[in-house]
């Protein structure tokens, strides 16, 4: 049970660290985020909050009462599956972002959407919190780098970490339930 809590907490902390790094780059190095950066940022935040929700559910589970524990483990597993889906989309958008900038003439032919990066049915975070979610930059040109690695690679690493953590968590949940 303690390992499950640590896995869920780690799958919250890693995306949150990259979210804070993106905010740091935006304000300290004055690198305005583009449309795809905002999408990656919001999906990282969603991934972290889904993992944190699963952590709250599983940490309130009482292993003495099997039914409650099995139910809460199943709910936490569903949160991890949802977190993995969000991480998959973050990975996909990060790879598209990198593909845009690999072309030598990307500054001429870069196709980056404008406007709100959120669907119409979703609350418009760019209007509520423009300092965090407004796309003010262009997809073409320099991408923020840390340790000589571009930021979309960090998003991809975070997404892979979340997927692997979710797979381990769900496997451990199935084995725990099977052995009860």
N, C-alpha and C. Protein backbone atom coordinates (compact mmCIF):
# COMPACT_ATOMS: atom_id res chain seq x y z
N UNK A 1 0.83 -1.19 0.00
CA UNK A 1 0.00 0.00 0.00
C UNK A 1 0.87 1.25 0.00
N UNK A 2 1.97 1.22 0.73
CA UNK A 2 2.84 2.40 0.81
C UNK A 2 3.46 2.71 -0.54
N UNK A 3 3.75 1.66 -1.34
CA UNK A 3 4.35 1.88 -2.66
C UNK A 3 3.34 2.52 -3.61
N UNK A 4 2.06 2.14 -3.47
CA UNK A 4 1.03 2.74 -4.30
C UNK A 4 0.94 4.24 -4.03
N UNK A 5 0.98 4.61 -2.76
CA UNK A 5 0.92 6.03 -2.41
C UNK A 5 2.10 6.78 -3.01
N UNK A 6 3.27 6.20 -2.94
CA UNK A 6 4.46 6.85 -3.48
C UNK A 6 4.41 6.98 -4.99
N UNK A 7 3.89 5.95 -5.66
CA UNK A 7 3.78 6.02 -7.11
C UNK A 7 2.83 7.14 -7.53
N UNK A 8 1.68 7.22 -6.86
CA UNK A 8 0.72 8.26 -7.21
C UNK A 8 1.26 9.64 -6.89
N UNK A 9 1.93 9.76 -5.77
CA UNK A 9 2.50 11.06 -5.41
C UNK A 9 3.60 11.46 -6.39
N UNK A 10 4.42 10.51 -6.80
CA UNK A 10 5.47 10.81 -7.78
C UNK A 10 4.87 11.21 -9.12
N UNK A 11 3.76 10.58 -9.51
CA UNK A 11 3.15 10.94 -10.79
C UNK A 11 2.41 12.26 -10.71
N UNK A 12 2.27 12.82 -9.51
CA UNK A 12 1.80 14.20 -9.37
C UNK A 12 2.97 15.17 -9.37
N UNK A 13 4.02 14.82 -8.66
CA UNK A 13 5.15 15.74 -8.47
C UNK A 13 5.91 16.01 -9.77
N UNK A 14 6.15 14.98 -10.58
CA UNK A 14 6.94 15.15 -11.80
C UNK A 14 6.27 16.13 -12.77
N UNK A 15 5.00 15.97 -13.13
CA UNK A 15 4.39 16.97 -14.03
C UNK A 15 4.32 18.36 -13.40
N UNK A 16 4.11 18.41 -12.09
CA UNK A 16 4.04 19.71 -11.42
C UNK A 16 5.39 20.44 -11.48
N UNK A 17 6.48 19.70 -11.35
CA UNK A 17 7.81 20.31 -11.46
C UNK A 17 8.00 20.90 -12.86
N UNK A 18 7.59 20.17 -13.89
CA UNK A 18 7.74 20.69 -15.25
C UNK A 18 6.80 21.87 -15.52
N UNK A 19 5.63 21.87 -14.88
CA UNK A 19 4.74 23.01 -15.00
C UNK A 19 5.38 24.26 -14.38
N UNK A 20 5.97 24.09 -13.21
CA UNK A 20 6.66 25.21 -12.56
C UNK A 20 7.85 25.67 -13.40
N UNK A 21 8.56 24.72 -14.01
CA UNK A 21 9.69 25.09 -14.88
C UNK A 21 9.21 25.91 -16.07
N UNK A 22 8.06 25.55 -16.63
CA UNK A 22 7.52 26.32 -17.76
C UNK A 22 7.18 27.75 -17.34
N UNK A 23 6.60 27.90 -16.16
CA UNK A 23 6.28 29.24 -15.65
C UNK A 23 7.58 30.01 -15.40
N UNK A 24 8.58 29.33 -14.87
CA UNK A 24 9.87 29.96 -14.62
C UNK A 24 10.47 30.49 -15.92
N UNK A 25 10.45 29.66 -16.97
CA UNK A 25 11.00 30.09 -18.26
C UNK A 25 10.20 31.26 -18.82
N UNK A 26 8.89 31.23 -18.62
CA UNK A 26 8.05 32.29 -19.16
C UNK A 26 8.40 33.64 -18.53
N UNK A 27 8.60 33.67 -17.23
CA UNK A 27 8.78 34.95 -16.56
C UNK A 27 10.24 35.33 -16.30
N UNK A 28 11.09 34.37 -16.03
CA UNK A 28 12.48 34.71 -15.73
C UNK A 28 13.32 34.89 -17.00
N UNK A 29 13.06 34.10 -18.03
CA UNK A 29 13.81 34.22 -19.27
C UNK A 29 13.01 34.92 -20.37
N UNK A 30 11.83 35.41 -20.01
CA UNK A 30 10.95 36.14 -20.91
C UNK A 30 10.75 35.41 -22.23
N UNK A 31 10.34 34.15 -22.11
CA UNK A 31 10.02 33.33 -23.29
C UNK A 31 8.51 33.12 -23.30
N UNK A 32 7.78 33.90 -24.10
CA UNK A 32 6.32 33.77 -24.11
C UNK A 32 5.90 32.41 -24.66
N UNK A 33 4.91 31.79 -24.05
CA UNK A 33 4.48 30.47 -24.49
C UNK A 33 3.63 30.55 -25.76
N UNK A 34 3.79 29.56 -26.61
CA UNK A 34 2.99 29.49 -27.83
C UNK A 34 1.74 28.64 -27.57
N UNK A 35 0.95 28.46 -28.60
CA UNK A 35 -0.28 27.69 -28.53
C UNK A 35 -0.02 26.26 -28.05
N UNK A 36 0.97 25.61 -28.64
CA UNK A 36 1.28 24.23 -28.26
C UNK A 36 1.88 24.14 -26.87
N UNK A 37 2.64 25.15 -26.46
CA UNK A 37 3.20 25.17 -25.10
C UNK A 37 2.08 25.22 -24.06
N UNK A 38 1.07 26.02 -24.34
CA UNK A 38 -0.06 26.13 -23.41
C UNK A 38 -0.83 24.82 -23.36
N UNK A 39 -1.01 24.17 -24.50
CA UNK A 39 -1.68 22.87 -24.49
C UNK A 39 -0.89 21.86 -23.66
N UNK A 40 0.43 21.82 -23.85
CA UNK A 40 1.26 20.89 -23.08
C UNK A 40 1.20 21.22 -21.59
N UNK A 41 1.26 22.50 -21.28
CA UNK A 41 1.22 22.96 -19.89
C UNK A 41 -0.09 22.54 -19.22
N UNK A 42 -1.20 22.74 -19.90
CA UNK A 42 -2.49 22.40 -19.30
C UNK A 42 -2.66 20.89 -19.17
N UNK A 43 -2.15 20.12 -20.14
CA UNK A 43 -2.25 18.67 -20.02
C UNK A 43 -1.34 18.13 -18.92
N UNK A 44 -0.18 18.75 -18.72
CA UNK A 44 0.66 18.35 -17.58
C UNK A 44 -0.05 18.61 -16.26
N UNK A 45 -0.70 19.75 -16.18
CA UNK A 45 -1.44 20.08 -14.96
C UNK A 45 -2.58 19.09 -14.73
N UNK A 46 -3.29 18.75 -15.81
CA UNK A 46 -4.38 17.77 -15.70
C UNK A 46 -3.84 16.41 -15.27
N UNK A 47 -2.73 15.99 -15.85
CA UNK A 47 -2.11 14.72 -15.47
C UNK A 47 -1.77 14.70 -13.98
N UNK A 48 -1.17 15.77 -13.51
CA UNK A 48 -0.81 15.86 -12.09
C UNK A 48 -2.02 15.83 -11.18
N UNK A 49 -3.06 16.58 -11.53
CA UNK A 49 -4.24 16.63 -10.66
C UNK A 49 -5.02 15.32 -10.67
N UNK A 50 -5.05 14.61 -11.78
CA UNK A 50 -5.69 13.29 -11.80
C UNK A 50 -4.92 12.31 -10.92
N UNK A 51 -3.60 12.37 -10.98
CA UNK A 51 -2.78 11.51 -10.12
C UNK A 51 -2.97 11.87 -8.65
N UNK A 52 -3.05 13.15 -8.36
CA UNK A 52 -3.27 13.59 -6.98
C UNK A 52 -4.63 13.15 -6.47
N UNK A 53 -5.64 13.18 -7.34
CA UNK A 53 -6.98 12.71 -6.96
C UNK A 53 -6.95 11.23 -6.62
N UNK A 54 -6.25 10.46 -7.45
CA UNK A 54 -6.09 9.03 -7.15
C UNK A 54 -5.36 8.80 -5.84
N UNK A 55 -4.38 9.66 -5.55
CA UNK A 55 -3.64 9.54 -4.29
C UNK A 55 -4.55 9.81 -3.10
N UNK A 56 -5.42 10.82 -3.21
CA UNK A 56 -6.35 11.10 -2.11
C UNK A 56 -7.30 9.94 -1.88
N UNK A 57 -7.77 9.32 -2.96
CA UNK A 57 -8.70 8.20 -2.83
C UNK A 57 -8.01 7.01 -2.18
N UNK A 58 -6.84 6.62 -2.66
CA UNK A 58 -6.18 5.42 -2.14
C UNK A 58 -5.63 5.64 -0.74
N UNK A 59 -5.23 6.86 -0.41
CA UNK A 59 -4.70 7.09 0.93
C UNK A 59 -5.79 7.07 1.99
N UNK A 60 -7.06 7.22 1.55
CA UNK A 60 -8.15 7.12 2.52
C UNK A 60 -8.68 5.70 2.63
N UNK A 61 -8.13 4.77 1.86
CA UNK A 61 -8.59 3.38 1.89
C UNK A 61 -8.10 2.69 3.16
N UNK A 62 -8.94 1.87 3.70
CA UNK A 62 -8.60 1.11 4.90
C UNK A 62 -8.38 -0.35 4.50
N UNK A 63 -7.13 -0.84 4.58
CA UNK A 63 -6.87 -2.21 4.11
C UNK A 63 -7.53 -3.29 4.96
N UNK A 64 -8.08 -2.93 6.12
CA UNK A 64 -8.73 -3.93 6.98
C UNK A 64 -10.06 -4.37 6.38
N UNK A 65 -10.78 -3.42 5.76
CA UNK A 65 -12.08 -3.73 5.16
C UNK A 65 -11.88 -3.95 3.66
N UNK A 66 -11.93 -5.22 3.22
CA UNK A 66 -11.58 -5.53 1.83
C UNK A 66 -12.46 -4.85 0.78
N UNK A 67 -13.77 -4.76 1.02
CA UNK A 67 -14.64 -4.16 0.00
C UNK A 67 -14.29 -2.70 -0.25
N UNK A 68 -14.14 -1.96 0.79
CA UNK A 68 -13.78 -0.54 0.65
C UNK A 68 -12.43 -0.36 -0.01
N UNK A 69 -11.49 -1.22 0.37
CA UNK A 69 -10.15 -1.14 -0.21
C UNK A 69 -10.17 -1.47 -1.69
N UNK A 70 -10.90 -2.52 -2.06
CA UNK A 70 -10.98 -2.91 -3.47
C UNK A 70 -11.65 -1.80 -4.28
N UNK A 71 -12.72 -1.22 -3.75
CA UNK A 71 -13.41 -0.14 -4.45
C UNK A 71 -12.49 1.06 -4.64
N UNK A 72 -11.83 1.46 -3.58
CA UNK A 72 -10.96 2.64 -3.66
C UNK A 72 -9.74 2.38 -4.53
N UNK A 73 -9.24 1.17 -4.53
CA UNK A 73 -8.12 0.83 -5.42
C UNK A 73 -8.56 0.88 -6.87
N UNK A 74 -9.77 0.42 -7.14
CA UNK A 74 -10.30 0.47 -8.50
C UNK A 74 -10.50 1.91 -8.95
N UNK A 75 -11.05 2.75 -8.08
CA UNK A 75 -11.25 4.16 -8.42
C UNK A 75 -9.90 4.84 -8.67
N UNK A 76 -8.92 4.56 -7.82
CA UNK A 76 -7.59 5.14 -8.02
C UNK A 76 -6.98 4.67 -9.34
N UNK A 77 -7.22 3.41 -9.70
CA UNK A 77 -6.73 2.90 -10.98
C UNK A 77 -7.38 3.63 -12.15
N UNK A 78 -8.68 3.95 -12.01
CA UNK A 78 -9.35 4.70 -13.07
C UNK A 78 -8.77 6.11 -13.19
N UNK A 79 -8.42 6.73 -12.07
CA UNK A 79 -7.77 8.04 -12.12
C UNK A 79 -6.42 7.93 -12.84
N UNK A 80 -5.71 6.85 -12.59
CA UNK A 80 -4.41 6.67 -13.25
C UNK A 80 -4.57 6.42 -14.75
N UNK A 81 -5.61 5.72 -15.14
CA UNK A 81 -5.87 5.52 -16.57
C UNK A 81 -6.17 6.86 -17.22
N UNK A 82 -7.02 7.67 -16.57
CA UNK A 82 -7.33 9.00 -17.10
C UNK A 82 -6.07 9.87 -17.16
N UNK A 83 -5.23 9.76 -16.16
CA UNK A 83 -3.98 10.50 -16.14
C UNK A 83 -3.07 10.06 -17.28
N UNK A 84 -3.06 8.78 -17.58
CA UNK A 84 -2.25 8.27 -18.69
C UNK A 84 -2.77 8.76 -20.03
N UNK A 85 -4.09 8.87 -20.17
CA UNK A 85 -4.66 9.39 -21.42
C UNK A 85 -4.25 10.85 -21.61
N UNK A 86 -4.33 11.64 -20.55
CA UNK A 86 -3.89 13.04 -20.63
C UNK A 86 -2.39 13.11 -20.95
N UNK A 87 -1.61 12.23 -20.35
CA UNK A 87 -0.17 12.20 -20.63
C UNK A 87 0.10 11.81 -22.08
N UNK A 88 -0.69 10.90 -22.63
CA UNK A 88 -0.54 10.51 -24.04
C UNK A 88 -0.75 11.72 -24.95
N UNK A 89 -1.79 12.50 -24.68
CA UNK A 89 -2.05 13.68 -25.51
C UNK A 89 -0.96 14.73 -25.33
N UNK A 90 -0.43 14.86 -24.13
CA UNK A 90 0.69 15.78 -23.92
C UNK A 90 1.91 15.32 -24.72
N UNK A 91 2.16 14.03 -24.72
CA UNK A 91 3.28 13.47 -25.50
C UNK A 91 3.09 13.76 -26.99
N UNK A 92 1.87 13.55 -27.47
CA UNK A 92 1.58 13.77 -28.89
C UNK A 92 1.76 15.23 -29.29
N UNK A 93 1.28 16.14 -28.47
CA UNK A 93 1.42 17.57 -28.78
C UNK A 93 2.88 18.00 -28.70
N UNK A 94 3.63 17.45 -27.74
CA UNK A 94 5.06 17.78 -27.63
C UNK A 94 5.82 17.29 -28.86
N UNK A 95 5.49 16.11 -29.35
CA UNK A 95 6.19 15.61 -30.55
C UNK A 95 5.81 16.44 -31.78
N UNK A 96 4.56 16.90 -31.88
CA UNK A 96 4.17 17.80 -32.97
C UNK A 96 4.93 19.12 -32.88
N UNK A 97 5.09 19.61 -31.66
CA UNK A 97 5.81 20.87 -31.43
C UNK A 97 7.26 20.75 -31.89
N UNK A 98 7.88 19.65 -31.57
CA UNK A 98 9.26 19.42 -32.00
C UNK A 98 9.35 19.28 -33.52
N UNK A 99 8.38 18.62 -34.12
CA UNK A 99 8.39 18.44 -35.57
C UNK A 99 8.25 19.79 -36.29
N UNK A 100 7.48 20.70 -35.71
CA UNK A 100 7.35 22.04 -36.30
C UNK A 100 8.69 22.75 -36.38
N UNK A 101 9.50 22.59 -35.36
CA UNK A 101 10.75 23.35 -35.27
C UNK A 101 11.96 22.63 -35.85
N UNK A 102 11.81 21.38 -36.29
CA UNK A 102 12.95 20.68 -36.88
C UNK A 102 13.22 21.12 -38.31
N UNK A 103 12.22 21.67 -38.97
CA UNK A 103 12.40 22.17 -40.32
C UNK A 103 13.27 23.43 -40.27
N UNK A 104 14.22 23.54 -41.17
CA UNK A 104 15.13 24.69 -41.17
C UNK A 104 14.40 25.99 -41.48
N UNK A 105 13.32 25.92 -42.23
CA UNK A 105 12.55 27.12 -42.57
C UNK A 105 11.29 27.23 -41.72
N UNK A 106 11.36 26.75 -40.50
CA UNK A 106 10.17 26.74 -39.65
C UNK A 106 9.67 28.15 -39.36
N UNK A 107 10.56 29.12 -39.35
CA UNK A 107 10.12 30.48 -39.07
C UNK A 107 9.24 31.03 -40.20
N UNK A 108 9.34 30.44 -41.41
CA UNK A 108 8.50 30.86 -42.53
C UNK A 108 7.22 30.05 -42.65
N UNK A 109 7.34 28.74 -42.40
CA UNK A 109 6.22 27.85 -42.68
C UNK A 109 5.62 27.22 -41.43
N UNK A 110 5.93 27.73 -40.29
CA UNK A 110 5.40 27.15 -39.07
C UNK A 110 3.90 27.41 -38.96
N UNK A 111 3.15 26.35 -38.80
CA UNK A 111 1.71 26.48 -38.66
C UNK A 111 1.37 26.27 -37.19
N UNK A 112 1.03 27.36 -36.56
CA UNK A 112 0.67 27.30 -35.14
C UNK A 112 -0.67 28.03 -35.00
N UNK A 113 -1.60 27.37 -34.40
CA UNK A 113 -2.92 27.95 -34.26
C UNK A 113 -2.86 29.21 -33.41
N UNK A 114 -3.89 30.01 -33.50
CA UNK A 114 -3.99 31.18 -32.63
C UNK A 114 -5.33 31.13 -31.92
N UNK A 115 -5.49 31.97 -30.96
CA UNK A 115 -6.73 31.97 -30.18
C UNK A 115 -6.59 31.11 -28.94
N UNK A 116 -7.71 30.64 -28.46
CA UNK A 116 -7.72 29.85 -27.25
C UNK A 116 -7.30 28.41 -27.54
N UNK A 117 -6.36 27.87 -26.76
CA UNK A 117 -5.94 26.48 -26.99
C UNK A 117 -6.89 25.46 -26.37
N UNK A 118 -8.02 25.90 -25.85
CA UNK A 118 -8.94 25.00 -25.16
C UNK A 118 -10.21 24.82 -25.98
N UNK A 119 -10.82 23.63 -25.90
CA UNK A 119 -12.09 23.41 -26.61
C UNK A 119 -13.19 24.33 -26.05
N UNK A 120 -14.23 24.53 -26.84
CA UNK A 120 -15.31 25.43 -26.44
C UNK A 120 -16.03 24.95 -25.18
N UNK A 121 -16.14 23.63 -24.99
CA UNK A 121 -16.89 23.10 -23.86
C UNK A 121 -16.09 23.16 -22.55
N UNK A 122 -14.80 23.42 -22.65
CA UNK A 122 -13.95 23.49 -21.46
C UNK A 122 -13.88 24.93 -20.97
N UNK A 123 -13.83 25.13 -19.66
CA UNK A 123 -13.68 26.50 -19.16
C UNK A 123 -12.44 27.15 -19.77
N UNK A 124 -12.57 28.38 -20.14
CA UNK A 124 -11.51 29.12 -20.83
C UNK A 124 -10.46 29.60 -19.83
N UNK A 125 -9.50 28.75 -19.55
CA UNK A 125 -8.46 29.08 -18.59
C UNK A 125 -7.62 30.27 -19.04
N UNK A 126 -7.50 30.46 -20.35
CA UNK A 126 -6.72 31.60 -20.83
C UNK A 126 -7.41 32.93 -20.53
N UNK A 127 -8.71 32.92 -20.31
CA UNK A 127 -9.42 34.14 -19.90
C UNK A 127 -9.41 34.29 -18.38
N UNK A 128 -9.47 33.18 -17.66
CA UNK A 128 -9.50 33.22 -16.21
C UNK A 128 -8.12 33.52 -15.63
N UNK A 129 -7.10 32.86 -16.16
CA UNK A 129 -5.72 33.03 -15.69
C UNK A 129 -4.80 33.33 -16.88
N UNK A 130 -4.90 34.52 -17.44
CA UNK A 130 -4.09 34.81 -18.64
C UNK A 130 -2.59 34.80 -18.37
N UNK A 131 -2.17 35.05 -17.14
CA UNK A 131 -0.74 35.05 -16.85
C UNK A 131 -0.14 33.65 -16.94
N UNK A 132 -0.98 32.60 -16.84
CA UNK A 132 -0.48 31.23 -16.92
C UNK A 132 -0.85 30.53 -18.23
N UNK A 133 -2.01 30.87 -18.81
CA UNK A 133 -2.53 30.08 -19.91
C UNK A 133 -2.79 30.87 -21.20
N UNK A 134 -2.36 32.09 -21.30
CA UNK A 134 -2.55 32.84 -22.54
C UNK A 134 -1.38 32.57 -23.48
N UNK A 135 -1.71 32.21 -24.73
CA UNK A 135 -0.68 31.94 -25.72
C UNK A 135 -0.26 33.26 -26.37
N UNK A 136 0.90 33.77 -25.98
CA UNK A 136 1.36 35.06 -26.48
C UNK A 136 2.55 34.95 -27.41
N UNK A 137 3.11 33.76 -27.55
CA UNK A 137 4.29 33.58 -28.39
C UNK A 137 3.97 32.86 -29.68
N UNK A 138 5.02 32.59 -30.45
CA UNK A 138 4.89 31.89 -31.72
C UNK A 138 5.55 30.52 -31.60
N UNK A 139 5.00 29.56 -32.34
CA UNK A 139 5.59 28.21 -32.32
C UNK A 139 6.93 28.17 -33.04
N UNK A 140 7.14 29.09 -33.93
CA UNK A 140 8.40 29.13 -34.68
C UNK A 140 9.49 29.77 -33.83
N UNK A 141 10.70 29.37 -34.10
CA UNK A 141 11.82 29.99 -33.40
C UNK A 141 12.33 29.16 -32.25
N UNK A 142 12.89 29.84 -31.28
CA UNK A 142 13.54 29.17 -30.16
C UNK A 142 12.53 28.51 -29.23
N UNK A 143 12.87 27.30 -28.80
CA UNK A 143 12.11 26.59 -27.78
C UNK A 143 12.95 26.66 -26.52
N UNK A 144 12.29 26.81 -25.39
CA UNK A 144 13.00 26.87 -24.12
C UNK A 144 13.81 25.59 -23.92
N UNK A 145 15.04 25.75 -23.45
CA UNK A 145 15.90 24.60 -23.20
C UNK A 145 16.42 24.65 -21.77
N UNK A 146 16.62 23.48 -21.22
CA UNK A 146 17.24 23.34 -19.91
C UNK A 146 18.24 22.21 -20.02
N UNK A 147 19.46 22.45 -19.60
CA UNK A 147 20.54 21.46 -19.70
C UNK A 147 20.74 21.00 -21.14
N UNK A 148 20.55 21.92 -22.08
CA UNK A 148 20.70 21.67 -23.50
C UNK A 148 19.65 20.72 -24.07
N UNK A 149 18.53 20.58 -23.37
CA UNK A 149 17.43 19.73 -23.80
C UNK A 149 16.20 20.62 -23.94
N UNK A 150 15.51 20.51 -25.07
CA UNK A 150 14.32 21.34 -25.29
C UNK A 150 13.18 20.90 -24.40
N UNK A 151 12.36 21.85 -23.98
CA UNK A 151 11.28 21.59 -23.03
C UNK A 151 10.27 20.53 -23.50
N UNK A 152 9.91 20.45 -24.80
CA UNK A 152 8.99 19.38 -25.19
C UNK A 152 9.53 17.98 -24.89
N UNK A 153 10.85 17.81 -24.87
CA UNK A 153 11.41 16.51 -24.49
C UNK A 153 11.13 16.21 -23.02
N UNK A 154 11.15 17.23 -22.19
CA UNK A 154 10.82 17.03 -20.78
C UNK A 154 9.34 16.65 -20.63
N UNK A 155 8.48 17.26 -21.43
CA UNK A 155 7.05 16.90 -21.41
C UNK A 155 6.88 15.44 -21.84
N UNK A 156 7.61 15.04 -22.86
CA UNK A 156 7.54 13.65 -23.32
C UNK A 156 8.04 12.69 -22.24
N UNK A 157 9.11 13.06 -21.56
CA UNK A 157 9.63 12.21 -20.47
C UNK A 157 8.63 12.11 -19.33
N UNK A 158 8.00 13.22 -19.00
CA UNK A 158 6.99 13.22 -17.94
C UNK A 158 5.80 12.34 -18.33
N UNK A 159 5.39 12.41 -19.60
CA UNK A 159 4.28 11.58 -20.07
C UNK A 159 4.63 10.10 -20.01
N UNK A 160 5.85 9.75 -20.43
CA UNK A 160 6.28 8.35 -20.34
C UNK A 160 6.35 7.89 -18.89
N UNK A 161 6.85 8.74 -18.02
CA UNK A 161 6.91 8.40 -16.60
C UNK A 161 5.52 8.14 -16.04
N UNK A 162 4.57 8.99 -16.41
CA UNK A 162 3.20 8.82 -15.93
C UNK A 162 2.61 7.52 -16.45
N UNK A 163 2.84 7.20 -17.70
CA UNK A 163 2.33 5.95 -18.27
C UNK A 163 2.92 4.72 -17.60
N UNK A 164 4.21 4.74 -17.36
CA UNK A 164 4.87 3.61 -16.70
C UNK A 164 4.40 3.49 -15.26
N UNK A 165 4.26 4.62 -14.58
CA UNK A 165 3.77 4.60 -13.20
C UNK A 165 2.35 4.05 -13.14
N UNK A 166 1.51 4.47 -14.09
CA UNK A 166 0.13 3.98 -14.12
C UNK A 166 0.10 2.47 -14.36
N UNK A 167 0.93 1.99 -15.26
CA UNK A 167 0.97 0.54 -15.53
C UNK A 167 1.41 -0.23 -14.29
N UNK A 168 2.42 0.28 -13.59
CA UNK A 168 2.88 -0.38 -12.36
C UNK A 168 1.81 -0.34 -11.29
N UNK A 169 1.15 0.80 -11.15
CA UNK A 169 0.10 0.95 -10.13
C UNK A 169 -1.05 0.00 -10.39
N UNK A 170 -1.50 -0.07 -11.63
CA UNK A 170 -2.64 -0.93 -11.96
C UNK A 170 -2.25 -2.40 -11.80
N UNK A 171 -1.04 -2.76 -12.20
CA UNK A 171 -0.57 -4.14 -12.01
C UNK A 171 -0.53 -4.50 -10.53
N UNK A 172 0.00 -3.60 -9.72
CA UNK A 172 0.06 -3.86 -8.29
C UNK A 172 -1.34 -3.93 -7.68
N UNK A 173 -2.27 -3.13 -8.15
CA UNK A 173 -3.65 -3.16 -7.66
C UNK A 173 -4.29 -4.50 -8.01
N UNK A 174 -4.10 -4.97 -9.23
CA UNK A 174 -4.69 -6.25 -9.65
C UNK A 174 -4.10 -7.39 -8.83
N UNK A 175 -2.79 -7.37 -8.62
CA UNK A 175 -2.17 -8.44 -7.82
C UNK A 175 -2.64 -8.41 -6.37
N UNK A 176 -2.80 -7.22 -5.82
CA UNK A 176 -3.28 -7.09 -4.43
C UNK A 176 -4.70 -7.61 -4.29
N UNK A 177 -5.56 -7.23 -5.23
CA UNK A 177 -6.95 -7.69 -5.18
C UNK A 177 -7.03 -9.20 -5.40
N UNK A 178 -6.21 -9.71 -6.29
CA UNK A 178 -6.21 -11.15 -6.60
C UNK A 178 -5.77 -11.97 -5.38
N UNK A 179 -4.83 -11.44 -4.62
CA UNK A 179 -4.29 -12.17 -3.47
C UNK A 179 -5.16 -12.04 -2.21
N UNK A 180 -6.19 -11.27 -2.24
CA UNK A 180 -7.04 -11.10 -1.05
C UNK A 180 -7.99 -12.23 -0.89
